[in-house]
PDB file of all heavy atoms in Angstrom:
ATOM      1  N   PHE A   1       0.829  -1.209   0.000  1.00  0.00           N
ATOM      2  CA  PHE A   1       0.000   0.000   0.000  1.00  0.00           C
ATOM      3  C   PHE A   1       0.863   1.258   0.000  1.00  0.00           C
ATOM      4  O   PHE A   1       0.586   2.223  -0.724  1.00  0.00           O
ATOM      5  CB  PHE A   1      -0.926  -0.006   1.215  1.00  0.00           C
ATOM      6  CG  PHE A   1      -1.795   1.216   1.326  1.00  0.00           C
ATOM      7  CD1 PHE A   1      -2.912   1.354   0.525  1.00  0.00           C
ATOM      8  CD2 PHE A   1      -1.494   2.225   2.225  1.00  0.00           C
ATOM      9  CE1 PHE A   1      -3.715   2.479   0.617  1.00  0.00           C
ATOM     10  CE2 PHE A   1      -2.277   3.346   2.328  1.00  0.00           C
ATOM     11  CZ  PHE A   1      -3.401   3.480   1.524  1.00  0.00           C
ATOM     12  N   ILE A   2       1.907   1.254   0.797  1.00  0.00           N
ATOM     13  CA  ILE A   2       2.801   2.415   0.855  1.00  0.00           C
ATOM     14  C   ILE A   2       3.432   2.681  -0.507  1.00  0.00           C
ATOM     15  O   ILE A   2       3.415   3.812  -1.015  1.00  0.00           O
ATOM     16  CB  ILE A   2       3.895   2.202   1.922  1.00  0.00           C
ATOM     17  CG1 ILE A   2       3.287   2.214   3.325  1.00  0.00           C
ATOM     18  CG2 ILE A   2       4.980   3.266   1.813  1.00  0.00           C
ATOM     19  CD1 ILE A   2       4.269   1.823   4.412  1.00  0.00           C
ATOM     20  N   THR A   3       4.004   1.649  -1.114  1.00  0.00           N
ATOM     21  CA  THR A   3       4.710   1.869  -2.379  1.00  0.00           C
ATOM     22  C   THR A   3       3.756   2.218  -3.510  1.00  0.00           C
ATOM     23  O   THR A   3       4.099   3.001  -4.403  1.00  0.00           O
ATOM     24  CB  THR A   3       5.540   0.631  -2.761  1.00  0.00           C
ATOM     25  OG1 THR A   3       4.686  -0.508  -2.884  1.00  0.00           O
ATOM     26  CG2 THR A   3       6.610   0.360  -1.717  1.00  0.00           C
ATOM     27  N   VAL A   4       2.544   1.655  -3.510  1.00  0.00           N
ATOM     28  CA  VAL A   4       1.565   2.006  -4.552  1.00  0.00           C
ATOM     29  C   VAL A   4       1.204   3.481  -4.472  1.00  0.00           C
ATOM     30  O   VAL A   4       1.188   4.191  -5.487  1.00  0.00           O
ATOM     31  CB  VAL A   4       0.307   1.129  -4.430  1.00  0.00           C
ATOM     32  CG1 VAL A   4      -0.814   1.691  -5.315  1.00  0.00           C
ATOM     33  CG2 VAL A   4       0.608  -0.301  -4.840  1.00  0.00           C
ATOM     34  N   THR A   5       0.895   3.966  -3.271  1.00  0.00           N
ATOM     35  CA  THR A   5       0.530   5.374  -3.132  1.00  0.00           C
ATOM     36  C   THR A   5       1.706   6.285  -3.494  1.00  0.00           C
ATOM     37  O   THR A   5       1.514   7.331  -4.121  1.00  0.00           O
ATOM     38  CB  THR A   5       0.054   5.675  -1.699  1.00  0.00           C
ATOM     39  OG1 THR A   5       1.056   5.254  -0.762  1.00  0.00           O
ATOM     40  CG2 THR A   5      -1.240   4.957  -1.399  1.00  0.00           C
ATOM     41  N   LEU A   6       2.917   5.889  -3.125  1.00  0.00           N
ATOM     42  CA  LEU A   6       4.084   6.702  -3.452  1.00  0.00           C
ATOM     43  C   LEU A   6       4.317   6.765  -4.962  1.00  0.00           C
ATOM     44  O   LEU A   6       4.562   7.847  -5.526  1.00  0.00           O
ATOM     45  CB  LEU A   6       5.323   6.153  -2.749  1.00  0.00           C
ATOM     46  CG  LEU A   6       5.377   6.301  -1.220  1.00  0.00           C
ATOM     47  CD1 LEU A   6       6.604   5.589  -0.667  1.00  0.00           C
ATOM     48  CD2 LEU A   6       5.386   7.768  -0.812  1.00  0.00           C
ATOM     49  N   VAL A   7       4.237   5.615  -5.644  1.00  0.00           N
ATOM     50  CA  VAL A   7       4.466   5.591  -7.086  1.00  0.00           C
ATOM     51  C   VAL A   7       3.375   6.373  -7.817  1.00  0.00           C
ATOM     52  O   VAL A   7       3.664   7.182  -8.707  1.00  0.00           O
ATOM     53  CB  VAL A   7       4.533   4.139  -7.599  1.00  0.00           C
ATOM     54  CG1 VAL A   7       4.425   4.089  -9.120  1.00  0.00           C
ATOM     55  CG2 VAL A   7       5.832   3.485  -7.157  1.00  0.00           C
ATOM     56  N   ALA A   8       2.114   6.133  -7.457  1.00  0.00           N
ATOM     57  CA  ALA A   8       1.018   6.813  -8.145  1.00  0.00           C
ATOM     58  C   ALA A   8       1.086   8.325  -7.943  1.00  0.00           C
ATOM     59  O   ALA A   8       0.935   9.102  -8.888  1.00  0.00           O
ATOM     60  CB  ALA A   8      -0.323   6.265  -7.658  1.00  0.00           C
ATOM     61  N   HIS A   9       1.332   8.750  -6.713  1.00  0.00           N
ATOM     62  CA  HIS A   9       1.359  10.184  -6.441  1.00  0.00           C
ATOM     63  C   HIS A   9       2.613  10.846  -7.015  1.00  0.00           C
ATOM     64  O   HIS A   9       2.573  12.011  -7.425  1.00  0.00           O
ATOM     65  CB  HIS A   9       1.248  10.428  -4.933  1.00  0.00           C
ATOM     66  CG  HIS A   9      -0.105  10.103  -4.392  1.00  0.00           C
ATOM     67  ND1 HIS A   9      -0.333   9.728  -3.072  1.00  0.00           N
ATOM     68  CD2 HIS A   9      -1.319  10.076  -4.992  1.00  0.00           C
ATOM     69  CE1 HIS A   9      -1.611   9.513  -2.900  1.00  0.00           C
ATOM     70  NE2 HIS A   9      -2.234   9.710  -4.040  1.00  0.00           N
ATOM     71  N   ARG A  10       3.722  10.109  -7.057  1.00  0.00           N
ATOM     72  CA  ARG A  10       4.923  10.689  -7.674  1.00  0.00           C
ATOM     73  C   ARG A  10       4.736  10.840  -9.180  1.00  0.00           C
ATOM     74  O   ARG A  10       5.084  11.885  -9.760  1.00  0.00           O
ATOM     75  CB  ARG A  10       6.144   9.815  -7.393  1.00  0.00           C
ATOM     76  CG  ARG A  10       7.450  10.397  -7.957  1.00  0.00           C
ATOM     77  CD  ARG A  10       7.730  11.776  -7.383  1.00  0.00           C
ATOM     78  NE  ARG A  10       8.813  12.465  -8.060  1.00  0.00           N
ATOM     79  CZ  ARG A  10       9.192  13.715  -7.795  1.00  0.00           C
ATOM     80  NH1 ARG A  10       8.551  14.402  -6.862  1.00  0.00           N
ATOM     81  NH2 ARG A  10      10.186  14.272  -8.455  1.00  0.00           N
ATOM     82  N   THR A  11       4.175   9.832  -9.826  1.00  0.00           N
ATOM     83  CA  THR A  11       3.902   9.940 -11.264  1.00  0.00           C
ATOM     84  C   THR A  11       2.904  11.055 -11.536  1.00  0.00           C
ATOM     85  O   THR A  11       3.022  11.787 -12.523  1.00  0.00           O
ATOM     86  CB  THR A  11       3.360   8.603 -11.800  1.00  0.00           C
ATOM     87  OG1 THR A  11       4.252   7.545 -11.427  1.00  0.00           O
ATOM     88  CG2 THR A  11       3.229   8.633 -13.309  1.00  0.00           C
ATOM     89  N   LEU A  12       1.949  11.207 -10.650  1.00  0.00           N
ATOM     90  CA  LEU A  12       0.970  12.278 -10.779  1.00  0.00           C
ATOM     91  C   LEU A  12       1.642  13.643 -10.665  1.00  0.00           C
ATOM     92  O   LEU A  12       1.358  14.562 -11.449  1.00  0.00           O
ATOM     93  CB  LEU A  12      -0.096  12.124  -9.696  1.00  0.00           C
ATOM     94  CG  LEU A  12      -1.284  13.081  -9.709  1.00  0.00           C
ATOM     95  CD1 LEU A  12      -2.059  12.969 -11.014  1.00  0.00           C
ATOM     96  CD2 LEU A  12      -2.207  12.778  -8.526  1.00  0.00           C
ATOM     97  N   TYR A  13       2.543  13.769  -9.713  1.00  0.00           N
ATOM     98  CA  TYR A  13       3.247  15.045  -9.556  1.00  0.00           C
ATOM     99  C   TYR A  13       4.078  15.367 -10.796  1.00  0.00           C
ATOM    100  O   TYR A  13       4.103  16.513 -11.263  1.00  0.00           O
ATOM    101  CB  TYR A  13       4.154  14.993  -8.321  1.00  0.00           C
ATOM    102  CG  TYR A  13       4.994  16.236  -8.161  1.00  0.00           C
ATOM    103  CD1 TYR A  13       4.450  17.396  -7.629  1.00  0.00           C
ATOM    104  CD2 TYR A  13       6.327  16.263  -8.569  1.00  0.00           C
ATOM    105  CE1 TYR A  13       5.212  18.551  -7.493  1.00  0.00           C
ATOM    106  CE2 TYR A  13       7.092  17.403  -8.438  1.00  0.00           C
ATOM    107  CZ  TYR A  13       6.535  18.544  -7.900  1.00  0.00           C
ATOM    108  OH  TYR A  13       7.286  19.684  -7.783  1.00  0.00           O
ATOM    109  N   GLU A  14       4.745  14.367 -11.339  1.00  0.00           N
ATOM    110  CA  GLU A  14       5.574  14.598 -12.515  1.00  0.00           C
ATOM    111  C   GLU A  14       4.737  14.935 -13.755  1.00  0.00           C
ATOM    112  O   GLU A  14       5.261  15.490 -14.721  1.00  0.00           O
ATOM    113  CB  GLU A  14       6.437  13.362 -12.785  1.00  0.00           C
ATOM    114  CG  GLU A  14       7.508  13.138 -11.714  1.00  0.00           C
ATOM    115  CD  GLU A  14       8.257  11.836 -11.898  1.00  0.00           C
ATOM    116  OE1 GLU A  14       7.819  11.015 -12.737  1.00  0.00           O
ATOM    117  OE2 GLU A  14       9.273  11.626 -11.202  1.00  0.00           O
ATOM    118  N   ALA A  15       3.438  14.617 -13.715  1.00  0.00           N
ATOM    119  CA  ALA A  15       2.540  14.928 -14.831  1.00  0.00           C
ATOM    120  C   ALA A  15       1.780  16.227 -14.618  1.00  0.00           C
ATOM    121  O   ALA A  15       0.881  16.553 -15.398  1.00  0.00           O
ATOM    122  CB  ALA A  15       1.548  13.786 -15.028  1.00  0.00           C
ATOM    123  N   ARG A  16       2.141  17.002 -13.586  1.00  0.00           N
ATOM    124  CA  ARG A  16       1.403  18.224 -13.270  1.00  0.00           C
ATOM    125  C   ARG A  16       1.569  19.262 -14.383  1.00  0.00           C
ATOM    126  O   ARG A  16       2.595  19.288 -15.079  1.00  0.00           O
ATOM    127  CB  ARG A  16       1.891  18.795 -11.944  1.00  0.00           C
ATOM    128  CG  ARG A  16       3.289  19.411 -12.007  1.00  0.00           C
ATOM    129  CD  ARG A  16       3.879  19.599 -10.620  1.00  0.00           C
ATOM    130  NE  ARG A  16       5.159  20.294 -10.661  1.00  0.00           N
ATOM    131  CZ  ARG A  16       6.309  19.739 -11.023  1.00  0.00           C
ATOM    132  NH1 ARG A  16       6.350  18.481 -11.405  1.00  0.00           N
ATOM    133  NH2 ARG A  16       7.427  20.460 -11.004  1.00  0.00           N
ATOM    134  N   PRO A  17       0.593  20.146 -14.552  1.00  0.00           N
ATOM    135  CA  PRO A  17       0.685  21.200 -15.566  1.00  0.00           C
ATOM    136  C   PRO A  17       1.375  22.438 -15.012  1.00  0.00           C
ATOM    137  O   PRO A  17       1.828  22.455 -13.865  1.00  0.00           O
ATOM    138  CB  PRO A  17      -0.781  21.483 -15.875  1.00  0.00           C
ATOM    139  CG  PRO A  17      -1.445  21.292 -14.544  1.00  0.00           C
ATOM    140  CD  PRO A  17      -0.705  20.166 -13.870  1.00  0.00           C
ATOM    141  N   ALA A  18       1.412  23.480 -15.833  1.00  0.00           N
ATOM    142  CA  ALA A  18       1.934  24.763 -15.370  1.00  0.00           C
ATOM    143  C   ALA A  18       1.058  25.305 -14.245  1.00  0.00           C
ATOM    144  O   ALA A  18      -0.116  24.935 -14.110  1.00  0.00           O
ATOM    145  CB  ALA A  18       1.977  25.754 -16.532  1.00  0.00           C
ATOM    146  N   ALA A  19       1.617  26.188 -13.434  1.00  0.00           N
ATOM    147  CA  ALA A  19       0.920  26.697 -12.255  1.00  0.00           C
ATOM    148  C   ALA A  19      -0.387  27.384 -12.594  1.00  0.00           C
ATOM    149  O   ALA A  19      -1.319  27.406 -11.792  1.00  0.00           O
ATOM    150  CB  ALA A  19       1.829  27.655 -11.489  1.00  0.00           C
ATOM    151  N   SER A  20      -0.506  27.932 -13.799  1.00  0.00           N
ATOM    152  CA  SER A  20      -1.732  28.614 -14.176  1.00  0.00           C
ATOM    153  C   SER A  20      -2.912  27.655 -14.311  1.00  0.00           C
ATOM    154  O   SER A  20      -4.064  28.073 -14.327  1.00  0.00           O
ATOM    155  CB  SER A  20      -1.533  29.361 -15.502  1.00  0.00           C
ATOM    156  OG  SER A  20      -1.113  28.477 -16.518  1.00  0.00           O
ATOM    157  N   HIS A  21      -2.635  26.365 -14.401  1.00  0.00           N
ATOM    158  CA  HIS A  21      -3.701  25.366 -14.497  1.00  0.00           C
ATOM    159  C   HIS A  21      -3.752  24.500 -13.237  1.00  0.00           C
ATOM    160  O   HIS A  21      -4.287  23.391 -13.267  1.00  0.00           O
ATOM    161  CB  HIS A  21      -3.473  24.467 -15.719  1.00  0.00           C
ATOM    162  CG  HIS A  21      -3.527  25.203 -17.020  1.00  0.00           C
ATOM    163  ND1 HIS A  21      -4.694  25.686 -17.552  1.00  0.00           N
ATOM    164  CD2 HIS A  21      -2.533  25.560 -17.882  1.00  0.00           C
ATOM    165  CE1 HIS A  21      -4.432  26.292 -18.703  1.00  0.00           C
ATOM    166  NE2 HIS A  21      -3.128  26.235 -18.918  1.00  0.00           N
ATOM    167  N   LEU A  22      -3.207  25.028 -12.140  1.00  0.00           N
ATOM    168  CA  LEU A  22      -3.077  24.226 -10.934  1.00  0.00           C
ATOM    169  C   LEU A  22      -4.429  23.832 -10.350  1.00  0.00           C
ATOM    170  O   LEU A  22      -4.645  22.666  -9.981  1.00  0.00           O
ATOM    171  CB  LEU A  22      -2.268  24.999  -9.886  1.00  0.00           C
ATOM    172  CG  LEU A  22      -1.854  24.202  -8.653  1.00  0.00           C
ATOM    173  CD1 LEU A  22      -0.957  23.051  -9.045  1.00  0.00           C
ATOM    174  CD2 LEU A  22      -1.165  25.106  -7.640  1.00  0.00           C
ATOM    175  N   THR A  23      -5.383  24.770 -10.271  1.00  0.00           N
ATOM    176  CA  THR A  23      -6.675  24.422  -9.676  1.00  0.00           C
ATOM    177  C   THR A  23      -7.420  23.412 -10.538  1.00  0.00           C
ATOM    178  O   THR A  23      -8.145  22.564 -10.015  1.00  0.00           O
ATOM    179  CB  THR A  23      -7.527  25.686  -9.482  1.00  0.00           C
ATOM    180  OG1 THR A  23      -7.603  26.402 -10.710  1.00  0.00           O
ATOM    181  CG2 THR A  23      -6.943  26.575  -8.404  1.00  0.00           C
ATOM    182  N   GLU A  24      -7.255  23.485 -11.859  1.00  0.00           N
ATOM    183  CA  GLU A  24      -7.864  22.467 -12.716  1.00  0.00           C
ATOM    184  C   GLU A  24      -7.227  21.102 -12.446  1.00  0.00           C
ATOM    185  O   GLU A  24      -7.916  20.075 -12.418  1.00  0.00           O
ATOM    186  CB  GLU A  24      -7.704  22.839 -14.192  1.00  0.00           C
ATOM    187  CG  GLU A  24      -8.348  21.815 -15.121  1.00  0.00           C
ATOM    188  CD  GLU A  24      -8.085  22.078 -16.588  1.00  0.00           C
ATOM    189  OE1 GLU A  24      -7.377  23.056 -16.910  1.00  0.00           O
ATOM    190  OE2 GLU A  24      -8.579  21.291 -17.419  1.00  0.00           O
TER     191      GLU A  24
END
């Protein structure tokens, strides 16, 4: 469970958009 949440959230962070689209 720990490693799944870490991998998913890290990949999600690396896929983040520019700050102007942060709330979206």
